[in-house]
Amino acid sequence: MIIVREHEGTIARVDGNPVIVSVGGQRKAPLQTILAPNWTEYDRAAFGIYIAEPFVAPEGQVATGPEYFVRDGVVVWQMFDVMDQPPPSAEMINAERDRRVESGFYFNDVLFQSRVEDQKRINGAGTLAAIAVMNGAQPGEFRWHGGDNDFAWISADNQLVLMDAFNVIEFGQAAARWESAHVFAARLLKDMAEPPQDYTNDQYWPKHG
């Protein structure tokens, strides 16, 4: 619902709770009072106030307006133009790619965060783990990193997941595959002659698990 006011030949949207002067100038009332259920559309029209509904363009089209106007006391919409919706841009597809990459990935059936800062930490841990393996770290050894505590990574639900150096290397590989799969999925969409309007649909993107 959109509230508009006709005043001196123009129509404009009204927000908040301003005091409105009636068309003849004899009365004043706050907007919320004018919108009360006991006021009729004719009562509101005396103040130039009308209730409009948003225009919804047909599927696959976009409106390049709108502008409000009143016809026979009823607010309607006049569209400057309604045209076919342009295909999604590369920037829009890239934004969806990044959103999905950062939504988290599964490793050994556990969901982990994969925001940009998480990806950097995972890469760093993977490098340290590879060095530890070259220096003789063994499977099941959780203090391969040289610290006094077992190495663990915090899952998306805030649980500590123990990882030896080999786990961490595999963890980094899983994160890299998750990102790479989205990069290629986005590339396929952008290479289409006309990318689909529903490019955000799950069918075009890698699935968890």
Foldseek 3Di string as FASTA:
>chain_A
DWKWFQDPNAIDTDDDWDWFAFPVRPDIDTPVVCVDPVHDLVNNVRRRIADDDDDDAPPQKDFPDWGWDDDPSHIDTDTPDIGGDAFDDLVVLVVLLLVQLQPFADDPNFTAGRHPVVLVVLVVLLVLLVVLVVVPFDPPQQCSNVDPDGDFDQTPVGDTHGDHSVSSNVVNVRSVVQSVQSVVLSVVQNPDPGRDPVSSDCVSGDDHD
